[in-house]
Protein backbone atom coordinates (compact mmCIF):
# COMPACT_ATOMS: atom_id res chain seq x y z
CA MET A 1 109.83 63.16 119.06
CA TYR A 2 110.19 63.23 115.29
CA PRO A 3 108.58 61.14 112.58
CA LYS A 4 110.26 57.90 111.57
CA LYS A 5 109.26 58.46 108.04
CA GLU A 6 112.23 59.55 106.05
CA LEU A 7 110.12 61.53 103.49
CA ALA A 8 108.52 63.62 106.33
CA GLN A 9 112.06 64.33 107.75
CA ILE A 10 113.20 65.49 104.19
CA VAL A 11 110.22 67.92 104.00
CA ILE A 12 110.86 69.36 107.49
CA SER A 13 114.61 69.72 106.91
CA ALA A 14 114.06 71.54 103.60
CA CYS A 15 111.58 73.96 105.21
CA ASN A 16 114.07 74.69 107.98
CA GLN A 17 117.00 75.19 105.44
CA PHE A 18 114.85 77.74 103.37
CA GLU A 19 114.00 79.59 106.53
CA ILE A 20 110.30 78.74 106.62
CA ASP A 21 109.73 79.41 110.25
CA THR A 22 105.96 79.36 110.51
CA VAL A 23 103.65 76.50 109.66
CA VAL A 24 99.85 76.64 109.99
CA ILE A 25 98.46 73.21 110.64
CA SER A 26 94.84 71.90 110.18
CA PRO A 27 94.02 68.70 112.04
CA GLY A 28 94.05 65.15 110.38
CA SER A 29 95.71 61.76 110.48
CA ARG A 30 97.42 61.30 107.17
CA ASN A 31 99.51 64.52 107.89
CA ALA A 32 100.55 63.10 111.35
CA PRO A 33 104.23 62.48 110.45
CA LEU A 34 104.53 66.13 109.32
CA THR A 35 102.54 67.50 112.26
CA VAL A 36 104.66 65.73 114.75
CA GLY A 37 107.88 66.75 113.07
CA PHE A 38 107.00 70.45 112.70
CA SER A 39 105.52 70.86 116.15
CA ASN A 40 108.66 69.45 117.76
CA HIS A 41 111.12 71.45 115.69
CA LYS A 42 112.79 74.25 117.84
CA GLU A 43 113.19 76.64 114.93
CA ILE A 44 109.69 76.37 113.46
CA GLU A 45 106.56 78.01 114.98
CA THR A 46 103.52 75.94 114.58
CA LEU A 47 99.84 77.39 114.78
CA SER A 48 96.77 75.31 114.77
CA VAL A 49 93.61 76.52 112.76
CA VAL A 50 90.92 73.98 112.23
CA ASP A 51 89.16 75.30 109.07
CA GLU A 52 91.44 74.89 106.06
CA ARG A 53 90.04 77.82 104.23
CA CYS A 54 90.56 80.12 107.13
CA ALA A 55 93.93 78.51 107.88
CA ALA A 56 95.26 79.31 104.32
CA PHE A 57 94.06 82.95 104.42
CA PHE A 58 95.50 83.26 108.02
CA ALA A 59 98.83 82.07 106.70
CA LEU A 60 98.47 84.46 103.67
CA GLY A 61 98.02 87.38 106.10
CA ILE A 62 101.20 86.39 107.92
CA ALA A 63 103.19 86.20 104.73
CA GLN A 64 101.72 89.55 103.42
CA GLN A 65 103.30 91.23 106.38
CA THR A 66 106.49 89.42 106.74
CA GLN A 67 107.18 89.14 102.96
CA LYS A 68 108.42 85.57 103.76
CA PRO A 69 106.96 82.17 102.87
CA VAL A 70 104.52 80.74 105.30
CA ALA A 71 103.58 77.12 105.12
CA VAL A 72 100.13 75.51 105.54
CA LEU A 73 99.69 71.78 106.28
CA CYS A 74 96.56 69.59 105.90
CA THR A 75 95.48 65.99 105.71
CA SER A 76 94.43 64.26 102.41
CA GLY A 77 91.21 64.44 100.52
CA SER A 78 88.76 67.55 100.23
CA ALA A 79 90.71 69.37 103.07
CA LEU A 80 93.23 70.41 100.47
CA LEU A 81 90.74 71.88 98.15
CA ASN A 82 89.70 74.38 100.87
CA TYR A 83 93.11 76.07 100.34
CA TYR A 84 92.34 76.99 96.72
CA PRO A 85 90.75 80.51 97.39
CA ALA A 86 93.83 81.64 99.33
CA ILE A 87 96.25 80.05 96.75
CA ALA A 88 94.44 82.05 93.91
CA GLU A 89 94.84 85.20 95.91
CA ALA A 90 98.41 84.50 96.67
CA PHE A 91 99.08 83.79 92.93
CA TYR A 92 97.66 87.17 91.84
CA SER A 93 98.94 89.15 94.81
CA ASN A 94 102.52 87.80 94.69
CA ILE A 95 102.46 86.27 98.27
CA PRO A 96 104.75 83.33 99.07
CA LEU A 97 102.54 80.61 100.35
CA VAL A 98 103.75 77.04 100.76
CA VAL A 99 101.10 74.42 100.53
CA ILE A 100 101.86 71.07 102.02
CA SER A 101 99.39 68.37 101.71
CA ALA A 102 99.51 64.82 102.92
CA ASP A 103 98.12 62.25 100.51
CA ARG A 104 97.40 58.51 100.10
CA PRO A 105 99.97 56.43 98.18
CA LYS A 106 99.07 56.06 94.50
CA HIS A 107 97.82 52.58 94.71
CA LEU A 108 95.08 53.79 96.96
CA ILE A 109 93.69 56.40 94.66
CA ASP A 110 90.45 55.91 92.81
CA ILE A 111 89.89 52.38 94.36
CA GLY A 112 87.24 53.37 96.84
CA ASP A 113 89.53 54.05 99.83
CA GLY A 114 88.35 56.88 102.10
CA GLN A 115 89.38 60.48 102.08
CA THR A 116 91.15 60.26 98.70
CA ILE A 117 90.95 62.54 95.75
CA ARG A 118 93.35 63.28 92.79
CA GLN A 119 95.73 65.67 94.59
CA GLU A 120 98.59 65.73 92.20
CA ASN A 121 98.75 69.15 90.23
CA VAL A 122 95.33 70.07 91.67
CA PHE A 123 96.24 73.75 91.62
CA GLU A 124 98.02 73.80 88.32
CA ASN A 125 96.17 76.97 87.00
CA HIS A 126 97.25 79.07 89.93
CA ILE A 127 100.55 77.74 91.31
CA LEU A 128 104.12 78.60 90.60
CA PHE A 129 105.44 74.97 91.06
CA SER A 130 104.00 71.60 92.10
CA ALA A 131 106.14 68.90 93.67
CA ASN A 132 104.53 65.56 93.55
CA LEU A 133 106.56 63.23 95.80
CA ILE A 134 106.73 59.48 96.06
CA GLU A 135 107.33 57.62 99.31
CA ASN A 136 109.95 55.18 98.14
CA GLU A 137 113.70 55.08 98.87
CA LYS A 138 114.65 55.00 95.21
CA PHE A 139 113.04 58.50 94.63
CA LYS A 140 114.83 59.97 97.63
CA THR A 141 117.11 62.15 95.30
CA ARG A 142 114.25 63.18 93.07
CA ASN A 143 112.04 64.12 96.05
CA SER A 144 114.87 66.28 97.57
CA GLN A 145 115.28 68.04 94.20
CA LEU A 146 111.52 68.72 93.80
CA ILE A 147 111.05 69.95 97.40
CA GLY A 148 114.14 72.31 97.15
CA GLU A 149 112.94 73.74 93.80
CA ALA A 150 109.48 74.29 95.14
CA LEU A 151 110.71 76.08 98.26
CA GLN A 152 113.27 78.19 96.36
CA THR A 153 110.55 79.16 93.87
CA ALA A 154 108.21 80.50 96.61
CA VAL A 155 111.32 82.49 98.09
CA SER A 156 112.61 83.91 94.78
CA LYS A 157 109.35 84.37 92.81
CA GLN A 158 107.10 85.39 95.58
CA GLY A 159 104.11 83.16 95.10
CA PRO A 160 102.32 79.94 96.05
CA VAL A 161 103.86 76.50 95.59
CA HIS A 162 102.40 73.11 96.31
CA ILE A 163 104.16 70.01 97.78
CA ASN A 164 102.10 66.91 97.82
CA VAL A 165 103.47 64.20 100.23
CA PRO A 166 101.93 60.60 100.07
CA PHE A 167 102.32 58.49 103.27
CA ASP A 168 101.46 54.93 103.76
CA GLU A 169 100.61 53.57 107.11
CA PRO A 170 101.82 53.47 109.91
CA LEU A 171 101.66 57.16 110.39
CA TYR A 172 102.45 57.81 114.01
CA GLU A 173 105.85 56.02 114.59
CA THR A 174 108.55 58.28 115.93
CA VAL A 175 112.23 58.46 116.51
CA SER A 176 114.27 60.69 118.86
CA GLU A 177 116.49 62.48 116.19
CA LEU A 178 115.77 64.60 113.11
CA LYS A 179 118.34 64.01 110.30
CA GLU A 180 119.63 67.01 108.42
CA TYR A 181 119.56 67.03 104.64
CA HIS A 182 121.29 69.45 102.33
CA PHE A 183 119.31 70.92 99.46
CA PRO A 184 121.46 72.66 96.79
CA HIS A 185 120.27 75.96 95.61
CA ILE A 186 118.95 75.89 92.05
CA SER A 187 119.94 78.66 89.66
CA MET A 188 116.87 80.89 89.14
CA SER A 189 117.09 83.41 86.25
CA SER A 190 117.52 86.90 87.75
CA LEU A 191 116.12 90.08 86.32
CA ASP A 192 118.41 91.78 83.70
CA ASN A 193 117.97 95.49 83.28
CA SER A 194 120.14 95.77 80.33
CA HIS A 195 117.27 95.24 77.85
CA ILE A 196 115.49 98.36 79.10
CA ASP A 197 116.01 101.28 76.52
CA TYR A 198 115.98 103.99 79.23
CA ASP A 199 117.21 106.65 76.53
CA ASN A 200 114.29 106.00 74.27
CA LEU A 201 111.74 105.96 77.05
CA SER A 202 113.10 109.13 78.53
CA ASN A 203 112.94 110.97 75.15
CA ILE A 204 109.17 109.97 74.79
CA TRP A 205 108.60 111.06 78.37
CA ASN A 206 110.35 114.35 78.27
CA ASP A 207 108.57 115.36 75.03
CA ALA A 208 104.99 114.71 76.45
CA GLU A 209 103.03 117.52 78.10
CA LYS A 210 100.36 115.18 79.67
CA LYS A 211 101.70 112.25 81.64
CA MET A 212 100.03 110.08 84.23
CA ILE A 213 101.45 107.66 86.92
CA LEU A 214 98.77 105.30 88.27
CA VAL A 215 99.72 103.12 91.27
CA GLY A 216 97.89 100.07 92.32
CA VAL A 217 98.34 97.70 95.31
CA SER A 218 101.75 98.25 96.83
CA TYR A 219 103.60 97.25 99.95
CA PRO A 220 104.83 100.37 101.86
CA ASP A 221 108.33 101.20 100.47
CA GLU A 222 110.05 104.34 101.55
CA GLU A 223 112.64 104.26 98.86
CA LEU A 224 110.05 104.01 96.10
CA HIS A 225 108.12 106.89 97.85
CA GLN A 226 111.16 109.14 97.63
CA LEU A 227 111.70 108.34 94.02
CA ILE A 228 108.08 109.14 93.05
CA ASP A 229 108.27 112.56 94.75
CA LEU A 230 110.26 113.85 91.79
CA TYR A 231 107.20 113.58 89.54
CA ALA A 232 104.97 115.33 91.94
CA ASP A 233 106.88 118.51 91.23
CA ASP A 234 106.56 118.18 87.41
CA ASP A 235 103.67 120.18 86.01
CA SER A 236 103.18 117.75 83.26
CA VAL A 237 102.66 114.82 85.51
CA LEU A 238 99.49 113.72 87.30
CA ILE A 239 99.81 111.00 89.93
CA PHE A 240 96.83 108.82 90.75
CA THR A 241 97.26 106.66 93.95
CA GLU A 242 94.73 104.18 95.15
CA THR A 243 94.07 103.63 98.91
CA THR A 244 96.00 100.35 98.67
CA SER A 245 99.08 101.94 96.98
CA ASN A 246 100.52 103.09 100.34
CA LEU A 247 101.90 106.07 98.57
CA HIS A 248 101.10 109.63 99.68
CA HIS A 249 101.79 113.09 98.38
CA ASN A 250 99.94 116.39 98.61
CA LYS A 251 100.07 116.69 94.76
CA ALA A 252 98.60 113.17 94.14
CA VAL A 253 94.98 112.39 93.43
CA ASN A 254 94.16 109.78 96.05
CA SER A 255 90.47 109.61 95.46
CA ILE A 256 90.23 108.69 91.78
CA ASP A 257 86.41 108.19 91.48
CA GLN A 258 85.76 111.45 93.32
CA LEU A 259 87.75 113.33 90.57
CA ILE A 260 86.49 111.63 87.40
CA PHE A 261 83.02 110.35 88.22
CA SER A 262 81.09 113.13 86.61
CA LEU A 263 83.40 114.40 83.81
CA ASP A 264 82.06 114.99 80.39
CA GLU A 265 83.53 113.96 77.07
CA ASN A 266 85.54 117.13 76.60
CA GLN A 267 86.95 116.75 80.05
CA PHE A 268 87.90 113.16 79.61
CA GLU A 269 89.65 114.17 76.34
CA ASN A 270 91.63 116.85 78.21
CA LEU A 271 92.42 114.32 80.97
CA LYS A 272 93.73 111.67 78.62
CA PRO A 273 97.46 111.29 79.07
CA GLU A 274 99.99 110.94 76.26
CA VAL A 275 102.10 108.64 78.38
CA LEU A 276 100.89 106.38 81.16
CA ILE A 277 103.12 104.49 83.56
CA THR A 278 101.43 101.86 85.94
CA PHE A 279 102.92 99.65 88.63
CA GLY A 280 101.69 97.79 91.66
CA GLY A 281 98.89 95.35 91.89
CA MET A 282 95.14 95.34 90.89
CA ILE A 283 93.35 98.61 90.44
CA VAL A 284 90.20 98.98 92.49
CA SER A 285 88.57 101.90 90.59
CA LYS A 286 86.30 100.66 87.86
CA ARG A 287 85.91 104.18 86.53
CA ILE A 288 89.62 104.74 85.87
CA LYS A 289 89.65 101.52 84.02
CA GLN A 290 86.76 102.44 81.89
CA PHE A 291 88.29 105.95 81.21
CA LEU A 292 91.71 104.59 80.14
CA ARG A 293 90.11 101.87 78.00
CA LYS A 294 88.03 104.44 76.09
CA TYR A 295 90.61 107.30 76.09
CA GLN A 296 93.62 105.23 75.53
CA PRO A 297 97.14 106.83 75.97
CA LYS A 298 99.62 106.57 73.08
CA HIS A 299 102.15 104.95 75.34
CA HIS A 300 101.35 102.67 78.32
CA TRP A 301 104.32 101.32 80.25
CA ASN A 302 103.69 98.70 82.86
CA ILE A 303 106.47 98.08 85.34
CA ASP A 304 106.44 94.70 87.06
CA ALA A 305 109.11 92.06 87.98
CA LYS A 306 106.91 89.12 86.93
CA LYS A 307 104.29 89.68 84.28
CA ALA A 308 102.84 92.32 82.02
CA THR A 309 99.37 93.62 83.01
CA ASN A 310 97.44 94.94 79.95
CA THR A 311 94.59 96.27 81.94
CA PHE A 312 93.67 99.04 79.53
CA PHE A 313 94.19 97.14 76.29
CA CYS A 314 96.87 99.47 75.05
CA LEU A 315 100.18 98.27 76.56
CA SER A 316 103.11 99.47 74.53
CA GLU A 317 105.96 98.72 76.81
CA PHE A 318 106.35 95.89 79.46
CA ILE A 319 109.28 96.90 81.63
CA GLN A 320 110.20 93.79 83.42
CA THR A 321 111.97 94.93 86.66
CA GLN A 322 111.14 96.19 90.11
CA PRO A 323 109.57 99.77 90.22
CA VAL A 324 112.38 100.89 92.47
CA ASP A 325 115.17 99.85 90.03
CA PHE A 326 113.40 101.39 87.18
CA PHE A 327 112.97 104.86 88.67
CA LYS A 328 116.54 104.83 90.13
CA ASN A 329 117.77 104.71 86.54
CA PHE A 330 114.85 106.64 84.81
CA ASN A 331 114.98 109.67 87.23
CA ASN A 332 118.51 110.52 86.14
CA LEU A 333 117.18 111.12 82.57
CA VAL A 334 113.83 112.92 82.98
CA VAL A 335 113.51 116.63 82.84
CA LYS A 336 110.51 118.77 84.02
CA LYS A 337 108.07 119.99 81.29
CA GLU A 338 106.17 123.23 81.38
CA SER A 339 102.38 122.32 81.16
CA THR A 340 99.09 123.26 82.77
CA TYR A 341 98.11 119.52 83.11
CA GLN A 342 98.73 118.93 86.63
CA ASP A 343 97.71 122.35 87.93
CA LYS A 344 94.27 122.13 86.20
CA TRP A 345 93.34 118.72 87.55
CA LEU A 346 94.58 119.41 91.07
CA THR A 347 92.41 122.63 91.16
CA ILE A 348 89.42 120.43 90.25
CA ARG A 349 90.60 117.82 92.81
CA ASP A 350 90.66 120.43 95.58
CA LYS A 351 87.20 121.68 94.84
CA ARG A 352 85.96 118.13 94.93
CA ARG A 353 87.51 117.80 98.35
CA GLU A 354 85.92 120.82 99.61
CA LYS A 355 82.45 119.72 98.41
CA HIS A 356 83.26 116.28 99.83
CA ALA A 357 83.64 117.81 103.29
CA ASN A 358 80.52 119.91 102.93
CA PHE A 359 78.43 117.05 101.87
CA LEU A 360 79.52 114.88 104.91
CA ALA A 361 78.89 117.77 107.28
CA GLN A 362 75.18 117.45 106.52
CA THR A 363 74.92 113.77 105.81
CA ALA A 364 72.70 111.51 107.90
CA HIS A 365 73.81 108.16 109.51
CA SER A 366 74.88 105.88 106.59
CA ASP A 367 77.74 103.71 105.41
CA PHE A 368 79.31 106.83 103.90
CA LYS A 369 79.02 108.73 107.23
CA VAL A 370 80.34 105.86 109.13
CA PHE A 371 83.56 105.70 107.10
CA GLU A 372 84.16 109.42 107.83
CA GLN A 373 83.77 108.80 111.62
CA VAL A 374 85.94 105.63 111.65
CA LEU A 375 88.77 107.00 109.51
CA ALA A 376 88.90 110.12 111.62
CA ASN A 377 89.24 108.20 114.80
CA LEU A 378 91.79 105.57 113.72
CA PRO A 379 95.04 105.68 115.74
CA ASN A 380 98.31 106.59 113.92
CA ASN A 381 100.81 103.86 112.99
CA CYS A 382 98.18 101.14 112.74
CA GLN A 383 97.64 98.58 110.03
CA ILE A 384 94.28 98.78 108.21
CA GLN A 385 92.93 95.69 106.66
CA ILE A 386 89.84 96.25 104.43
CA SER A 387 87.37 93.73 102.98
CA ASN A 388 86.14 93.72 99.44
CA SER A 389 82.98 94.75 97.67
CA SER A 390 81.58 98.26 98.75
CA ILE A 391 83.78 98.61 101.70
CA ILE A 392 87.08 99.12 99.80
CA ARG A 393 85.14 101.37 97.34
CA TYR A 394 83.94 103.62 100.21
CA ALA A 395 87.63 103.67 101.46
CA GLN A 396 88.76 104.97 98.17
CA LEU A 397 86.69 108.23 98.66
CA PHE A 398 88.67 109.17 101.66
CA SER A 399 92.13 110.23 102.66
CA ILE A 400 93.98 108.02 105.14
CA ASP A 401 96.62 109.15 107.50
CA LYS A 402 100.12 108.46 105.88
CA SER A 403 101.44 106.87 109.12
CA ASN A 404 98.93 103.95 108.50
CA THR A 405 99.35 101.16 106.12
CA VAL A 406 96.42 99.68 104.07
CA PHE A 407 95.89 96.21 102.79
CA CYS A 408 93.04 94.45 100.86
CA ASN A 409 92.88 90.96 99.15
CA ARG A 410 92.65 92.57 95.63
CA GLY A 411 94.37 89.70 93.82
CA THR A 412 91.00 88.00 93.16
CA SER A 413 88.82 90.65 95.00
CA GLY A 414 86.93 87.94 96.93
CA ILE A 415 85.07 88.41 100.17
CA ASP A 416 85.82 84.74 101.22
CA GLY A 417 88.98 85.19 103.32
CA SER A 418 89.19 88.95 104.33
CA THR A 419 88.67 88.35 108.11
CA SER A 420 91.06 85.40 108.19
CA THR A 421 93.68 87.53 106.26
CA ALA A 422 93.30 90.34 108.68
CA VAL A 423 93.76 87.98 111.65
CA GLY A 424 96.97 86.58 110.12
CA ALA A 425 98.22 90.21 109.51
CA ALA A 426 97.43 91.21 113.05
CA PHE A 427 99.22 88.19 114.42
CA ALA A 428 102.43 89.08 112.32
CA ASN A 429 102.45 92.82 112.81
CA LYS A 430 103.54 94.53 116.12
CA ASN A 431 101.38 97.52 115.27
CA GLN A 432 97.65 97.49 116.00
CA THR A 433 95.55 95.99 113.16
CA VAL A 434 92.09 97.52 112.47
CA PHE A 435 89.85 95.40 110.13
CA ILE A 436 87.04 97.33 108.39
CA THR A 437 84.41 94.97 106.83
CA GLY A 438 80.90 94.52 105.66
CA ASP A 439 78.43 92.14 106.94
CA LEU A 440 78.35 89.57 104.17
CA SER A 441 82.14 89.36 104.03
CA PHE A 442 82.32 89.04 107.88
CA PHE A 443 79.70 86.40 108.24
CA TYR A 444 80.95 84.35 105.27
CA ASP A 445 84.25 84.13 107.02
CA SER A 446 83.15 83.85 110.57
CA ASN A 447 85.25 80.81 111.26
CA ALA A 448 88.18 83.25 111.21
CA LEU A 449 87.37 83.93 114.77
CA TRP A 450 87.93 80.35 115.62
CA ASN A 451 91.56 80.88 116.13
CA LYS A 452 93.43 81.14 119.44
CA ASN A 453 96.26 83.28 117.78
CA ILE A 454 94.20 86.46 117.61
CA PRO A 455 96.09 89.33 119.56
CA SER A 456 94.13 91.24 122.09
CA ASN A 457 94.62 94.60 120.38
CA PHE A 458 92.96 93.35 117.19
CA ARG A 459 89.90 95.47 116.26
CA ILE A 460 87.08 94.91 113.90
CA ILE A 461 84.74 97.60 112.56
CA LEU A 462 81.70 95.68 111.24
CA ILE A 463 79.31 97.85 109.12
CA ASN A 464 76.13 95.93 108.96
CA ASN A 465 73.62 97.14 106.33
CA SER A 466 71.73 93.84 106.32
CA GLY A 467 72.85 92.57 102.93
CA GLY A 468 75.13 92.93 99.88
CA GLY A 469 75.25 96.82 99.63
CA ILE A 470 77.40 96.67 96.40
CA PHE A 471 74.38 95.29 94.54
CA LYS A 472 72.43 98.47 95.31
CA ILE A 473 75.34 100.65 94.08
CA ILE A 474 76.20 98.96 90.79
CA PRO A 475 73.82 99.20 87.83
CA GLY A 476 71.87 96.03 86.89
CA PRO A 477 70.57 94.08 89.87
CA LYS A 478 67.69 96.40 90.45
CA THR A 479 66.54 95.97 86.89
CA THR A 480 65.78 92.26 87.65
CA ASN A 481 63.13 90.61 89.76
CA ALA A 482 65.96 88.50 91.55
CA THR A 483 67.38 91.23 93.80
CA LYS A 484 67.10 88.95 96.92
CA TYR A 485 69.66 86.67 95.29
CA PHE A 486 72.12 89.41 94.71
CA GLU A 487 71.69 91.48 97.86
CA THR A 488 70.94 88.39 100.18
CA PRO A 489 69.10 90.35 102.96
CA HIS A 490 69.41 88.96 106.46
CA CYS A 491 68.99 89.79 110.15
CA LEU A 492 72.26 88.51 111.52
CA THR A 493 74.37 90.26 114.17
CA ALA A 494 77.88 89.46 115.52
CA GLU A 495 76.87 89.55 119.23
CA HIS A 496 76.64 85.80 119.88
CA LEU A 497 79.77 85.15 117.70
CA CYS A 498 81.61 87.47 120.00
CA LYS A 499 80.42 85.64 123.13
CA MET A 500 81.42 82.20 121.60
CA HIS A 501 84.88 83.43 120.59
CA ASN A 502 85.59 85.70 123.51
CA PHE A 503 85.43 89.03 121.73
CA GLU A 504 84.41 92.20 123.53
CA TYR A 505 81.21 93.36 121.66
CA LEU A 506 79.89 96.96 120.97
CA LYS A 507 77.21 98.27 118.80
CA ALA A 508 76.03 101.51 117.43
CA PHE A 509 72.90 102.61 115.37
CA SER A 510 73.41 106.35 114.75
CA THR A 511 75.97 109.08 114.24
CA GLU A 512 75.95 109.86 117.89
CA THR A 513 76.29 106.24 119.17
CA VAL A 514 79.10 105.68 116.70
CA ALA A 515 81.00 108.66 117.98
CA GLN A 516 80.35 107.34 121.62
CA GLN A 517 81.50 103.88 120.97
CA LEU A 518 84.65 104.84 119.07
CA LYS A 519 85.92 106.64 122.20
CA GLY A 520 88.38 104.20 123.69
CA PHE A 521 87.46 101.46 121.22
CA PHE A 522 91.13 101.14 120.00
CA ASP A 523 92.54 101.18 123.60
CA GLU A 524 93.19 97.90 125.31
CA SER A 525 90.35 96.31 127.28
CA VAL A 526 90.06 97.25 130.82
CA GLU A 527 90.73 94.45 133.31
CA ILE A 528 87.76 94.18 135.90
CA ASN A 529 89.65 91.63 138.03
CA SER A 530 92.90 89.62 137.76
CA ALA A 531 91.07 86.65 136.27
CA GLN A 532 89.92 88.54 133.17
CA THR A 533 92.23 88.74 130.11
CA GLN A 534 92.52 91.50 127.46
CA LYS A 535 90.19 90.85 124.61
CA PRO A 536 89.87 91.78 120.86
CA LYS A 537 86.95 93.87 120.09
CA ILE A 538 84.16 94.24 117.60
CA LEU A 539 82.17 97.38 116.96
CA GLU A 540 79.09 96.50 114.96
CA ILE A 541 77.53 99.47 113.29
CA PHE A 542 74.14 99.04 111.86
CA THR A 543 73.23 101.32 108.95
CA PRO A 544 69.96 101.91 106.98
CA CYS A 545 70.02 99.44 104.00
CA LYS A 546 67.34 101.39 102.04
CA GLU A 547 69.19 104.64 102.27
CA ASN A 548 72.89 103.97 101.83
CA ASP A 549 72.95 103.71 98.06
CA LEU A 550 70.71 106.90 97.73
CA ILE A 551 73.09 108.91 99.88
CA LEU A 552 76.08 107.76 97.82
CA LYS A 553 74.44 108.72 94.44
CA GLU A 554 73.44 112.00 96.09
CA TYR A 555 77.05 112.53 96.99
CA PHE A 556 78.39 112.12 93.45
CA LYS A 557 75.80 114.58 92.17
CA TYR A 558 76.69 117.10 94.85
CA ILE A 559 80.40 117.13 94.26
CA LYS A 560 80.09 117.65 90.52
């Protein structure tokens, strides 16, 4: 069975031609022609997720892992608006998300008809392309061109696009065949590296005695990893890698805040680089941003294929290319420079690491201690998804085994879809996915568990400190009389959610019980009888809300 409506057939045929093989569908009637068509297509996998906000982040998690466009489909009206948080995240994280919305015909908009809003260009501030279609034979060629351009944009530019498809009734008529349509490929401008003056850049680089490479959010890339290894052996280069960079080297500074938190003005001046190279996505560390904005390098080069990021307000060179392509060329021209820059700061890094270990050895049960225990027990070759707010900041203070990959929604840094994204990533990745989250983020996105596509080896570590712990850490909220509105204290637990959504539930309240519960937590569930299926698991760890921030502050004093 396929939709009788030709416009629906054109959309489905285009998705198939552009190799969009996964569509996440939320229920509705206006999108029935597309739902029937996609669900009956032999080469397209369809997944049902009821909550549109969760559905979009679920699709984003799949696309994050596959690096291929994933489509989401919804009915008309406010359903579409629930996609917006995930669209914004996809826009800033360069993730290909294809939003397909059913709509009412134009003559039914703003006349009092039900389930109608102004859907055309509704995401215009955070979308790479909007295709507003018209259900009319006269517009067949125009519709095909718009759909083709939208899908090719998602593929070539790696970001979100929107296809708005109006349908008049009847909606459920079907035919036995799906027609094939041909969509010509539109010429998209490709990156031209000829404009990059490698000779001039290498001269500046080779003359400098203090150089820094700062890597933000990056997808694991072995070739890039090997290219960066060259700079680790240069005494004049200091490499800063964030947890989400997925770059590892024993001569890199992987816990930035641990190193720079308590530096004085003279030390900051000494750390200030002459040349700064940045690439990758958003930077988590607020302290490195504050440092480089105040102590600006003479030369800041940002490497990115799409857009310049002037994070430190001193961008001198936007190098528009892929980082791998840049370093392939640049590495042939650089020479090592004698300097004490790297050695001095790595010596300080090593002393901080030693104090870090000493502090944790005597630390009581807390958010900080829990991170040590959890990260030490993670299996190798797993995918770690981390929620935002204080959770990703704690993760930045620890080393993570290089066999594991780390992801976090840092495009917009919101807590709203972290769990749904992790579920999507777990669905798409053959390796085990472990999601580490805080309580507010988890409960905010609890509908993420309302999803029949969650693999049984999916694991959630839920650190429950009974409120928004980040607002105890950052300066400001405690100086007001409105802390309950920042921290939002609560007494919620995940136990009944687990029963409702068929998760295995474990809990811990102390260092000892955390250690006990982590034993075997990442293993498959044990089948008691043949009727019982394997289940995903949640370990909820309760920590003392009044002590967590004090322990963290004490930590930074101790490692100074």
